[in-house]
Amino acid sequence: MTHTAAPPVDLVHRFIFEHQPVRGHWVRLDAAWRELRAHQQYPPAVRDLLGEAVTAAVLLAASLKFEGTLTLQLEGDGAVRLLVAQCTNDFRVRAVPRFDAGRLPAGNGAVPSFRTLVGAQGRLTVTIEAAERDSRYQGVVPLSGASLSESLEAYFADSEQLPTQVRLIADDSGTAGLLVQKLPGAGDDDEADGTWRAAQAGAAEVDPARLLADPIVPLLERAFPGRDVRLFRGSAVRFECGCSPERVSGVLRSLGEDEVRDILREHGVVAVTCEFCQRPYRFDAVAIDGLFGSTPAPDRPSSLH
């Protein structure tokens, strides 16, 4: 495997072991990860789990064949009661957590464990909704092990019957992930089994700091020494939320002019915050007049942010 230029960030790559029953994916998010959090500050532990979930959603989307949206959902009885990460088949991502800050360890640099965050009981749900036909697939497994990576490995083993090794890491600056799988139908001969065990061990030993910092080529060479690995062209990953000024305007129109003007009179402004990205939209009296036709609507209300 020869490649000299370090790839840019916000990419997902597929790779295979030549003539061997092993495939994998690598993802790194930088700008997309920062854009996803642009309107909301999270406690570091919640932020990092959110980053791992977004990365996992991209890895799942890359490893499955579908056209539509994949949703990765964690539900638990810990500090993070719900976390939703979505990725489309063309790698547009968004995510949001719901958590109780009062249940997070306070002070002394305490870093809560995965189990503190998600609780003793919980489940991991993967839902795929097809865009072009009325089709929906859903797989549900208990949250298991001591990390999101281990829960994903259990998901692939139980729902997909695919032996899988997953590594995930996230911090304030970026996220990264590595997934390797034994190909379905590969058989259990000694060579195939030995190749898979070596790939599994190599992925498991990847240093999380190196996973986040290193370009993919030296990372793969270090994880799988002596293996003939073919790296495919990467696909761009970007943040994209479903909210927009036009959609928010439509929601307000659906509420009706009387209700919206009541809100305006009470608060002096009509404020709407996107559930996913927390982006604020604000309409003053001029914008409301334009919205309901009292005055000609400008191309883009100056009060809308």
Protein backbone atom coordinates (compact mmCIF):
# COMPACT_ATOMS: atom_id res chain seq x y z
CA MET A 1 0.00 0.00 0.00
CA THR A 2 1.61 3.24 -1.13
CA HIS A 3 0.25 6.69 -0.47
CA THR A 4 2.19 9.77 0.52
CA ALA A 5 -0.28 12.61 0.98
CA ALA A 6 -2.17 12.77 4.27
CA PRO A 7 -5.92 12.84 3.60
CA PRO A 8 -8.01 15.76 4.73
CA VAL A 9 -10.33 15.34 7.68
CA ASP A 10 -14.11 14.78 7.54
CA LEU A 11 -13.65 11.60 5.50
CA VAL A 12 -14.66 7.97 5.66
CA HIS A 13 -12.51 5.36 3.89
CA ARG A 14 -13.14 1.72 3.07
CA PHE A 15 -10.29 -0.78 2.97
CA ILE A 16 -9.91 -4.52 2.39
CA PHE A 17 -7.26 -7.14 2.92
CA GLU A 18 -6.35 -8.32 -0.57
CA HIS A 19 -7.50 -11.91 -1.21
CA GLN A 20 -8.43 -12.27 2.46
CA PRO A 21 -11.88 -12.25 4.17
CA VAL A 22 -11.42 -8.96 6.04
CA ARG A 23 -12.82 -5.50 5.34
CA GLY A 24 -12.82 -2.30 7.30
CA HIS A 25 -13.70 1.37 7.52
CA TRP A 26 -11.96 4.38 9.02
CA VAL A 27 -13.53 7.76 9.72
CA ARG A 28 -12.22 11.09 10.97
CA LEU A 29 -14.37 14.15 11.69
CA ASP A 30 -13.06 17.63 12.37
CA ALA A 31 -15.01 20.59 10.95
CA ALA A 32 -18.23 18.57 10.77
CA TRP A 33 -17.88 17.70 14.46
CA ARG A 34 -17.38 21.33 15.45
CA GLU A 35 -20.29 22.49 13.28
CA LEU A 36 -22.55 19.90 14.88
CA ARG A 37 -21.87 21.48 18.30
CA ALA A 38 -21.73 25.11 17.17
CA HIS A 39 -24.88 26.15 19.07
CA GLN A 40 -24.53 24.01 22.19
CA GLN A 41 -21.92 23.35 24.88
CA TYR A 42 -21.93 19.90 26.47
CA PRO A 43 -20.09 18.54 29.51
CA PRO A 44 -16.89 16.86 28.26
CA ALA A 45 -18.06 13.31 29.03
CA VAL A 46 -21.39 13.83 27.24
CA ARG A 47 -19.62 15.57 24.36
CA ASP A 48 -17.19 12.70 23.91
CA LEU A 49 -19.91 10.04 24.00
CA LEU A 50 -21.87 12.07 21.45
CA GLY A 51 -18.79 12.22 19.24
CA GLU A 52 -18.29 8.47 19.48
CA ALA A 53 -21.94 7.92 18.56
CA VAL A 54 -21.71 10.17 15.50
CA THR A 55 -18.55 8.36 14.42
CA ALA A 56 -20.22 5.00 14.97
CA ALA A 57 -23.21 6.08 12.87
CA VAL A 58 -20.85 6.91 9.98
CA LEU A 59 -19.07 3.55 10.31
CA LEU A 60 -22.40 1.73 10.33
CA ALA A 61 -23.66 3.66 7.31
CA ALA A 62 -20.42 2.93 5.45
CA SER A 63 -20.59 -0.80 6.19
CA LEU A 64 -24.22 -1.28 5.10
CA LYS A 65 -25.88 -0.98 1.69
CA PHE A 66 -28.91 1.31 1.81
CA GLU A 67 -30.28 4.58 0.52
CA GLY A 68 -31.85 6.73 3.18
CA THR A 69 -31.08 7.53 6.81
CA LEU A 70 -29.47 5.42 9.51
CA THR A 71 -30.29 6.32 13.11
CA LEU A 72 -28.19 5.12 16.02
CA GLN A 73 -30.05 5.52 19.32
CA LEU A 74 -28.86 4.90 22.87
CA GLU A 75 -31.41 4.73 25.65
CA GLY A 76 -30.41 4.17 29.26
CA ASP A 77 -31.14 4.84 32.90
CA GLY A 78 -27.93 6.76 33.58
CA ALA A 79 -26.98 10.42 33.27
CA VAL A 80 -27.48 10.24 29.49
CA ARG A 81 -31.03 8.99 29.10
CA LEU A 82 -31.15 9.35 25.31
CA LEU A 83 -28.65 9.95 22.54
CA VAL A 84 -29.53 10.03 18.84
CA ALA A 85 -27.02 10.15 15.98
CA GLN A 86 -28.05 10.07 12.33
CA CYS A 87 -26.11 9.52 9.12
CA THR A 88 -27.45 9.37 5.58
CA ASN A 89 -26.11 7.04 2.90
CA ASP A 90 -24.14 10.00 1.50
CA PHE A 91 -22.68 10.78 4.93
CA ARG A 92 -24.57 13.81 6.18
CA VAL A 93 -24.62 13.70 9.97
CA ARG A 94 -26.44 15.25 12.91
CA ALA A 95 -26.87 14.23 16.56
CA VAL A 96 -28.30 15.27 19.91
CA PRO A 97 -28.09 13.99 23.52
CA ARG A 98 -30.60 14.24 26.35
CA PHE A 99 -28.94 14.11 29.76
CA ASP A 100 -29.22 15.02 33.44
CA ALA A 101 -26.21 17.19 34.32
CA GLY A 102 -26.93 16.70 38.02
CA ARG A 103 -26.07 13.00 37.74
CA LEU A 104 -22.61 13.65 36.30
CA PRO A 105 -19.63 13.56 38.72
CA ALA A 106 -18.71 17.07 39.83
CA GLY A 107 -15.20 18.46 40.26
CA ASN A 108 -11.88 16.78 40.95
CA GLY A 109 -11.41 15.98 37.28
CA ALA A 110 -13.66 12.94 37.62
CA VAL A 111 -14.31 11.21 34.30
CA PRO A 112 -17.55 9.22 34.40
CA SER A 113 -17.47 5.71 32.99
CA PHE A 114 -19.59 4.55 30.09
CA ARG A 115 -21.86 2.80 32.59
CA THR A 116 -22.25 5.95 34.67
CA LEU A 117 -23.34 7.76 31.53
CA VAL A 118 -25.78 5.18 30.15
CA GLY A 119 -26.71 3.31 33.33
CA ALA A 120 -26.98 -0.34 34.26
CA GLN A 121 -29.92 -0.99 31.93
CA GLY A 122 -30.22 0.31 28.40
CA ARG A 123 -30.44 -0.57 24.76
CA LEU A 124 -28.82 0.26 21.45
CA THR A 125 -31.16 0.62 18.49
CA VAL A 126 -30.12 0.90 14.86
CA THR A 127 -32.86 1.97 12.45
CA ILE A 128 -32.56 2.25 8.67
CA GLU A 129 -35.28 4.10 6.80
CA ALA A 130 -35.15 3.82 3.03
CA ALA A 131 -35.62 7.02 1.07
CA GLU A 132 -37.22 5.65 -2.10
CA ARG A 133 -39.53 2.92 -0.80
CA ASP A 134 -41.63 2.23 2.24
CA SER A 135 -39.00 0.14 3.97
CA ARG A 136 -37.72 0.15 7.52
CA TYR A 137 -35.21 -2.08 9.28
CA GLN A 138 -34.52 -2.00 13.00
CA GLY A 139 -32.07 -3.91 15.16
CA VAL A 140 -32.11 -3.69 18.96
CA VAL A 141 -29.53 -5.06 21.41
CA PRO A 142 -28.86 -4.38 25.10
CA LEU A 143 -26.12 -1.88 25.89
CA SER A 144 -23.30 -4.22 26.89
CA GLY A 145 -19.74 -4.01 28.04
CA ALA A 146 -17.79 -1.01 29.23
CA SER A 147 -17.89 1.15 26.09
CA LEU A 148 -19.93 2.08 23.07
CA SER A 149 -17.42 0.13 20.98
CA GLU A 150 -18.25 -3.08 22.85
CA SER A 151 -21.98 -2.46 22.46
CA LEU A 152 -21.51 -2.05 18.70
CA GLU A 153 -19.51 -5.27 18.50
CA ALA A 154 -22.40 -7.02 20.25
CA TYR A 155 -24.84 -5.43 17.79
CA PHE A 156 -22.95 -6.78 14.79
CA ALA A 157 -22.59 -10.22 16.37
CA ASP A 158 -26.27 -10.50 17.33
CA SER A 159 -28.08 -8.60 14.58
CA GLU A 160 -25.76 -9.03 11.60
CA GLN A 161 -23.85 -12.21 12.54
CA LEU A 162 -20.61 -10.47 11.61
CA PRO A 163 -17.50 -10.75 13.81
CA THR A 164 -16.45 -7.11 14.26
CA GLN A 165 -13.82 -5.08 16.09
CA VAL A 166 -14.56 -1.38 16.74
CA ARG A 167 -12.42 1.47 18.06
CA LEU A 168 -13.85 4.93 18.79
CA ILE A 169 -12.51 8.16 20.25
CA ALA A 170 -13.71 11.76 20.46
CA ASP A 171 -12.61 14.97 22.13
CA ASP A 172 -13.28 18.67 21.68
CA SER A 173 -11.30 18.94 18.43
CA GLY A 174 -12.31 15.83 16.54
CA THR A 175 -13.54 12.26 16.42
CA ALA A 176 -12.19 9.08 14.85
CA GLY A 177 -13.18 5.48 14.45
CA LEU A 178 -11.93 2.18 13.06
CA LEU A 179 -14.05 -0.86 12.23
CA VAL A 180 -12.83 -4.22 10.92
CA GLN A 181 -15.04 -7.17 10.05
CA LYS A 182 -14.75 -10.74 8.90
CA LEU A 183 -16.56 -10.96 5.58
CA PRO A 184 -19.78 -12.97 5.53
CA GLY A 185 -19.47 -16.39 3.96
CA ALA A 186 -15.71 -16.39 4.30
CA GLY A 187 -15.57 -19.83 5.83
CA ASP A 188 -13.59 -21.11 8.77
CA ASP A 189 -10.45 -22.49 7.15
CA ASP A 190 -7.19 -21.96 9.00
CA GLU A 191 -5.94 -19.15 6.74
CA ALA A 192 -9.15 -17.14 6.89
CA ASP A 193 -9.45 -17.64 10.63
CA GLY A 194 -5.83 -16.65 11.20
CA THR A 195 -6.16 -13.53 9.07
CA TRP A 196 -9.23 -12.45 10.98
CA ARG A 197 -7.63 -13.04 14.38
CA ALA A 198 -4.63 -10.96 13.34
CA ALA A 199 -6.85 -8.14 12.02
CA GLN A 200 -8.96 -8.21 15.16
CA ALA A 201 -5.90 -8.05 17.40
CA GLY A 202 -4.31 -5.27 15.36
CA ALA A 203 -7.44 -3.11 15.55
CA ALA A 204 -7.83 -3.76 19.27
CA GLU A 205 -4.28 -2.57 19.94
CA VAL A 206 -4.64 0.76 18.12
CA ASP A 207 -3.80 3.55 20.54
CA PRO A 208 -6.82 5.89 20.76
CA ALA A 209 -4.55 8.93 20.66
CA ARG A 210 -2.94 7.69 17.45
CA LEU A 211 -6.36 6.89 15.99
CA LEU A 212 -7.32 10.53 16.45
CA ALA A 213 -4.01 12.03 15.35
CA ASP A 214 -2.59 9.84 12.57
CA PRO A 215 -3.52 9.82 8.87
CA ILE A 216 -5.07 6.58 7.74
CA VAL A 217 -2.13 5.10 5.80
CA PRO A 218 0.46 4.98 8.63
CA LEU A 219 -2.32 3.97 11.01
CA LEU A 220 -3.23 0.93 8.91
CA GLU A 221 0.39 0.03 8.29
CA ARG A 222 1.06 0.05 12.02
CA ALA A 223 -2.12 -1.85 12.92
CA PHE A 224 -1.76 -4.51 10.22
CA PRO A 225 1.97 -4.94 9.52
CA GLY A 226 2.85 -7.16 6.59
CA ARG A 227 -0.72 -7.23 5.28
CA ASP A 228 -1.61 -6.26 1.73
CA VAL A 229 -4.28 -3.66 2.41
CA ARG A 230 -6.12 -1.90 -0.41
CA LEU A 231 -7.38 1.55 0.52
CA PHE A 232 -10.28 2.99 -1.46
CA ARG A 233 -11.01 6.61 -2.20
CA GLY A 234 -12.58 8.43 0.72
CA SER A 235 -16.05 9.95 0.88
CA ALA A 236 -16.67 13.35 2.42
CA VAL A 237 -18.65 13.56 5.66
CA ARG A 238 -20.48 16.78 6.51
CA PHE A 239 -22.82 18.12 9.12
CA GLU A 240 -26.29 18.91 7.89
CA CYS A 241 -29.36 19.46 10.03
CA GLY A 242 -32.89 19.31 8.71
CA CYS A 243 -33.77 22.71 10.10
CA SER A 244 -33.89 25.84 7.94
CA PRO A 245 -35.47 29.30 8.00
CA GLU A 246 -38.09 28.08 5.56
CA ARG A 247 -39.04 25.10 7.72
CA VAL A 248 -39.26 27.19 10.87
CA SER A 249 -41.43 29.72 9.04
CA GLY A 250 -43.70 26.86 7.97
CA VAL A 251 -44.01 25.65 11.56
CA LEU A 252 -45.01 29.13 12.72
CA ARG A 253 -47.57 29.47 9.94
CA SER A 254 -49.04 26.11 10.98
CA LEU A 255 -49.54 27.45 14.53
CA GLY A 256 -51.71 30.23 13.19
CA GLU A 257 -51.34 34.00 13.23
CA ASP A 258 -53.30 34.55 16.45
CA GLU A 259 -51.15 32.17 18.51
CA VAL A 260 -47.89 33.49 17.07
CA ARG A 261 -48.89 37.10 17.73
CA ASP A 262 -49.84 36.17 21.31
CA ILE A 263 -46.30 34.85 21.79
CA LEU A 264 -44.88 38.00 20.22
CA ARG A 265 -46.89 40.25 22.56
CA GLU A 266 -45.86 38.25 25.63
CA HIS A 267 -42.15 37.93 24.87
CA GLY A 268 -41.41 40.70 22.38
CA VAL A 269 -39.94 38.13 20.01
CA VAL A 270 -40.82 34.66 18.75
CA ALA A 271 -37.89 32.32 19.40
CA VAL A 272 -37.59 28.78 18.04
CA THR A 273 -34.66 26.45 18.74
CA CYS A 274 -33.91 23.40 16.60
CA GLU A 275 -34.24 20.21 18.62
CA PHE A 276 -31.20 18.62 16.97
CA CYS A 277 -28.58 21.31 16.41
CA GLN A 278 -29.87 23.88 18.93
CA ARG A 279 -29.66 26.62 16.32
CA PRO A 280 -31.79 29.60 17.44
CA TYR A 281 -34.27 31.30 15.12
CA ARG A 282 -35.72 34.64 16.24
CA PHE A 283 -38.59 36.56 14.65
CA ASP A 284 -39.37 40.14 15.66
CA ALA A 285 -42.57 42.04 14.83
CA VAL A 286 -41.36 43.00 11.35
CA ALA A 287 -40.54 39.40 10.50
CA ILE A 288 -43.92 38.20 11.83
CA ASP A 289 -45.73 40.82 9.74
CA GLY A 290 -43.88 39.55 6.68
CA LEU A 291 -44.57 35.93 7.62
CA PHE A 292 -48.34 36.44 7.71
CA GLY A 293 -48.57 38.91 4.87
CA SER A 294 -49.23 42.05 6.88
CA THR A 295 -46.29 43.60 5.04
CA PRO A 296 -44.32 42.31 2.06
CA ALA A 297 -41.97 39.60 3.30
CA PRO A 298 -38.27 40.33 2.77
CA ASP A 299 -36.10 37.76 1.04
CA ARG A 300 -34.71 36.81 4.45
CA PRO A 301 -36.02 38.49 7.62
CA SER A 302 -33.29 40.49 9.29
CA SER A 303 -34.39 39.15 12.66
CA LEU A 304 -33.84 35.52 11.66
CA HIS A 305 -30.50 34.12 12.85
